[in-house]
């Protein structure tokens, strides 16, 4: 299994945010994006997830079955700054929706709702409306969304935002467990995630339209 990017470039308005970004990740690998706000971390994640179209370059994913050129977004869980949950629905209703919507890709199976909530340290709250939870609890439940349906790629944008140090360690353990099962992790962060054997790419920000993205 491989996830690769070749000479990616992306634009915000008239400005190029990054240019000629490339990487190659195999099963079990992690790549952590660092850099100041506005340096292109979130944009790169969205391009890889298929949410934004690159100005130049390509993203390629090869599954365990050797299938080529499958969109990486189809094989990915994307966790952005927002939690993607309905406040008025219960935790169980939200997670049931995502479990049904995603389903499992070949090669793995997701946890049931109670197992996923227990895995993020919030057992016995599935009956509560999501909007009743604290910001930290909401982020934990958003992470549980990754556990209820199997996807080999996890794309995480500031995954530990609004969390305390104990939750940071818990999530590092869950991400590491995903890697040990052969999963790929692509994450943007301002703080260490405590991952093992993670590569790092520092995003440096706007490169300017004069760099020739169309070359």
Protein backbone atom coordinates (compact mmCIF):
# COMPACT_ATOMS: atom_id res chain seq x y z
CA UNK A 1 0.00 0.00 0.00
CA UNK A 2 1.35 3.40 -0.97
CA UNK A 3 0.21 7.01 -0.84
CA UNK A 4 2.29 9.40 -2.89
CA UNK A 5 2.27 13.02 -4.00
CA UNK A 6 4.24 14.28 -6.95
CA UNK A 7 5.11 17.95 -7.47
CA UNK A 8 1.93 19.29 -5.89
CA UNK A 9 1.13 23.00 -6.02
CA UNK A 10 -1.89 24.83 -4.63
CA UNK A 11 -3.16 28.37 -4.88
CA UNK A 12 -5.20 30.62 -2.59
CA UNK A 13 -6.62 33.46 -4.65
CA UNK A 14 -3.77 34.82 -6.78
CA UNK A 15 -1.02 33.47 -4.54
CA UNK A 16 0.65 30.08 -4.61
CA UNK A 17 0.65 28.55 -1.15
CA UNK A 18 3.13 25.79 -1.92
CA UNK A 19 4.98 24.43 -4.92
CA UNK A 20 6.64 21.13 -5.84
CA UNK A 21 5.59 19.21 -2.73
CA UNK A 22 6.28 15.48 -3.03
CA UNK A 23 6.23 12.54 -0.64
CA UNK A 24 5.85 8.76 -0.66
CA UNK A 25 4.32 6.84 2.23
CA UNK A 26 3.98 3.07 2.61
CA UNK A 27 1.77 1.14 4.99
CA UNK A 28 2.69 1.96 8.59
CA UNK A 29 4.26 5.32 7.71
CA UNK A 30 3.36 8.72 9.16
CA UNK A 31 4.13 12.19 7.82
CA UNK A 32 3.73 15.18 10.13
CA UNK A 33 3.37 18.65 8.59
CA UNK A 34 4.68 21.56 10.63
CA UNK A 35 4.93 25.29 10.01
CA UNK A 36 3.30 28.56 10.96
CA UNK A 37 -0.35 29.44 10.35
CA UNK A 38 -0.99 30.09 6.69
CA UNK A 39 1.95 28.01 5.51
CA UNK A 40 -0.22 25.56 3.60
CA UNK A 41 -0.58 22.63 5.99
CA UNK A 42 -4.37 22.46 5.90
CA UNK A 43 -4.47 23.11 2.16
CA UNK A 44 -2.11 20.22 1.48
CA UNK A 45 -4.23 17.89 3.60
CA UNK A 46 -7.37 18.91 1.70
CA UNK A 47 -5.67 18.36 -1.64
CA UNK A 48 -4.61 14.85 -0.62
CA UNK A 49 -8.11 14.13 0.70
CA UNK A 50 -9.61 15.20 -2.64
CA UNK A 51 -11.42 18.19 -1.17
CA UNK A 52 -9.37 20.71 -3.18
CA UNK A 53 -7.98 20.45 -6.70
CA UNK A 54 -4.24 21.05 -7.01
CA UNK A 55 -2.92 23.63 -9.42
CA UNK A 56 -0.28 21.16 -10.49
CA UNK A 57 0.88 17.63 -9.64
CA UNK A 58 -0.96 14.49 -8.64
CA UNK A 59 -1.83 12.31 -5.67
CA UNK A 60 -1.79 8.54 -6.16
CA UNK A 61 -2.92 5.72 -3.91
CA UNK A 62 -2.21 2.02 -4.39
CA UNK A 63 -4.21 -0.32 -2.16
CA UNK A 64 -3.19 -3.64 -0.70
CA UNK A 65 -4.82 -5.35 -3.67
CA UNK A 66 -2.45 -3.51 -6.01
CA UNK A 67 -5.24 -1.42 -7.54
CA UNK A 68 -3.70 1.70 -9.07
CA UNK A 69 -4.95 5.27 -9.30
CA UNK A 70 -7.79 4.91 -6.84
CA UNK A 71 -8.59 8.38 -5.44
CA UNK A 72 -6.86 8.73 -2.10
CA UNK A 73 -9.94 10.43 -0.69
CA UNK A 74 -11.96 7.23 -1.08
CA UNK A 75 -9.47 5.43 1.16
CA UNK A 76 -9.20 8.20 3.74
CA UNK A 77 -10.71 9.47 6.92
CA UNK A 78 -10.35 13.26 7.07
CA UNK A 79 -10.53 14.99 10.46
CA UNK A 80 -10.44 18.76 10.03
CA UNK A 81 -10.78 21.66 12.42
CA UNK A 82 -14.52 21.05 12.67
CA UNK A 83 -15.87 17.88 14.18
CA UNK A 84 -18.51 17.10 11.50
CA UNK A 85 -21.21 16.19 14.02
CA UNK A 86 -24.79 17.39 14.46
CA UNK A 87 -25.22 19.09 17.83
CA UNK A 88 -28.85 18.05 18.26
CA UNK A 89 -28.21 14.35 17.57
CA UNK A 90 -26.92 12.02 20.25
CA UNK A 91 -23.38 10.68 20.18
CA UNK A 92 -24.74 7.28 19.12
CA UNK A 93 -26.83 8.78 16.31
CA UNK A 94 -23.89 10.76 14.97
CA UNK A 95 -21.50 7.82 15.02
CA UNK A 96 -24.11 5.46 13.58
CA UNK A 97 -24.56 7.82 10.65
CA UNK A 98 -20.83 7.92 9.91
CA UNK A 99 -20.45 4.15 10.35
CA UNK A 100 -23.24 3.55 7.83
CA UNK A 101 -22.13 6.32 5.46
CA UNK A 102 -18.52 5.16 5.22
CA UNK A 103 -18.80 1.42 5.62
CA UNK A 104 -15.61 -0.66 5.77
CA UNK A 105 -13.05 -0.85 3.01
CA UNK A 106 -11.59 -4.29 2.31
CA UNK A 107 -8.76 -5.19 4.65
CA UNK A 108 -10.26 -4.21 7.98
CA UNK A 109 -13.37 -3.60 10.04
CA UNK A 110 -14.48 -0.76 12.26
CA UNK A 111 -15.44 -0.94 15.92
CA UNK A 112 -19.02 -0.87 17.04
CA UNK A 113 -20.26 2.38 18.54
CA UNK A 114 -19.75 1.48 22.19
CA UNK A 115 -16.26 0.10 21.53
CA UNK A 116 -15.24 3.27 19.68
CA UNK A 117 -16.50 5.57 22.42
CA UNK A 118 -14.78 3.46 25.06
CA UNK A 119 -11.54 3.59 23.03
CA UNK A 120 -11.49 7.40 23.31
CA UNK A 121 -12.19 7.28 27.05
CA UNK A 122 -15.85 8.30 27.04
CA UNK A 123 -17.85 5.20 27.87
CA UNK A 124 -21.55 5.50 28.75
CA UNK A 125 -22.25 8.87 27.10
CA UNK A 126 -23.66 7.68 23.78
CA UNK A 127 -27.18 8.74 24.83
CA UNK A 128 -26.20 12.40 25.26
CA UNK A 129 -26.70 15.03 22.53
CA UNK A 130 -23.37 15.91 20.97
CA UNK A 131 -23.96 19.60 21.70
CA UNK A 132 -24.06 18.89 25.46
CA UNK A 133 -20.44 17.78 25.50
CA UNK A 134 -17.43 19.93 26.35
CA UNK A 135 -15.06 20.97 23.55
CA UNK A 136 -12.57 18.28 24.61
CA UNK A 137 -15.26 15.59 24.71
CA UNK A 138 -16.54 16.63 21.30
CA UNK A 139 -13.04 16.29 19.86
CA UNK A 140 -12.73 12.81 21.35
CA UNK A 141 -16.01 11.76 19.74
CA UNK A 142 -14.86 13.19 16.43
CA UNK A 143 -11.82 10.96 16.73
CA UNK A 144 -14.08 7.98 17.48
CA UNK A 145 -15.53 8.56 14.00
CA UNK A 146 -12.22 7.27 12.62
CA UNK A 147 -12.66 4.01 14.51
CA UNK A 148 -16.18 3.01 13.48
CA UNK A 149 -15.34 2.43 9.79
CA UNK A 150 -12.09 1.09 8.36
CA UNK A 151 -10.06 3.41 6.17
CA UNK A 152 -6.33 2.79 5.60
CA UNK A 153 -5.41 6.50 5.44
CA UNK A 154 -5.99 8.96 8.29
CA UNK A 155 -5.67 12.64 7.34
CA UNK A 156 -5.65 14.71 10.53
CA UNK A 157 -5.63 18.50 10.82
CA UNK A 158 -4.63 19.60 14.33
CA UNK A 159 -6.16 16.42 15.77
CA UNK A 160 -5.35 17.26 19.39
CA UNK A 161 -6.90 20.74 19.41
CA UNK A 162 -8.94 21.38 22.59
CA UNK A 163 -7.46 18.34 24.34
CA UNK A 164 -5.54 17.93 27.58
CA UNK A 165 -2.24 16.06 27.88
CA UNK A 166 -3.87 12.75 28.86
CA UNK A 167 -6.02 12.84 25.72
CA UNK A 168 -2.93 13.70 23.67
CA UNK A 169 -1.29 10.48 24.86
CA UNK A 170 -4.46 8.47 24.21
CA UNK A 171 -4.70 9.70 20.64
CA UNK A 172 -1.00 9.08 20.04
CA UNK A 173 -1.59 5.47 21.09
CA UNK A 174 -4.59 5.13 18.77
CA UNK A 175 -2.69 6.62 15.83
CA UNK A 176 0.31 4.37 16.53
CA UNK A 177 -2.02 1.34 16.66
CA UNK A 178 -3.39 2.35 13.24
CA UNK A 179 0.18 2.46 11.90
CA UNK A 180 1.02 -0.95 13.35
CA UNK A 181 -1.95 -2.39 11.46
CA UNK A 182 -0.45 -1.03 8.25
CA UNK A 183 -2.34 2.25 8.16
CA UNK A 184 -0.95 5.52 6.81
CA UNK A 185 -1.14 8.80 8.75
CA UNK A 186 -0.81 12.32 7.34
CA UNK A 187 -1.16 14.97 10.04
CA UNK A 188 -0.71 18.72 10.50
CA UNK A 189 0.13 20.01 13.94
CA UNK A 190 1.62 22.84 15.97
CA UNK A 191 2.64 20.52 18.77
CA UNK A 192 4.32 17.10 19.01
CA UNK A 193 1.97 14.16 18.50
CA UNK A 194 4.27 11.59 20.08
CA UNK A 195 4.23 9.32 17.04
CA UNK A 196 6.86 6.68 16.43
CA UNK A 197 9.04 6.77 13.30
CA UNK A 198 7.22 9.77 11.88
CA UNK A 199 8.67 11.77 9.00
CA UNK A 200 8.40 15.55 9.17
CA UNK A 201 7.79 18.10 6.42
CA UNK A 202 8.05 21.78 7.30
CA UNK A 203 5.72 23.96 5.24
CA UNK A 204 7.26 27.37 4.58
CA UNK A 205 4.32 29.39 3.29
CA UNK A 206 3.61 31.43 0.19
CA UNK A 207 6.08 30.90 -2.63
CA UNK A 208 4.76 33.65 -4.93
CA UNK A 209 3.17 33.44 -8.35
CA UNK A 210 6.50 34.14 -10.05
CA UNK A 211 7.74 30.63 -9.29
CA UNK A 212 6.11 29.20 -12.41
CA UNK A 213 3.52 26.68 -11.25
CA UNK A 214 2.41 26.19 -14.83
CA UNK A 215 5.88 25.33 -16.09
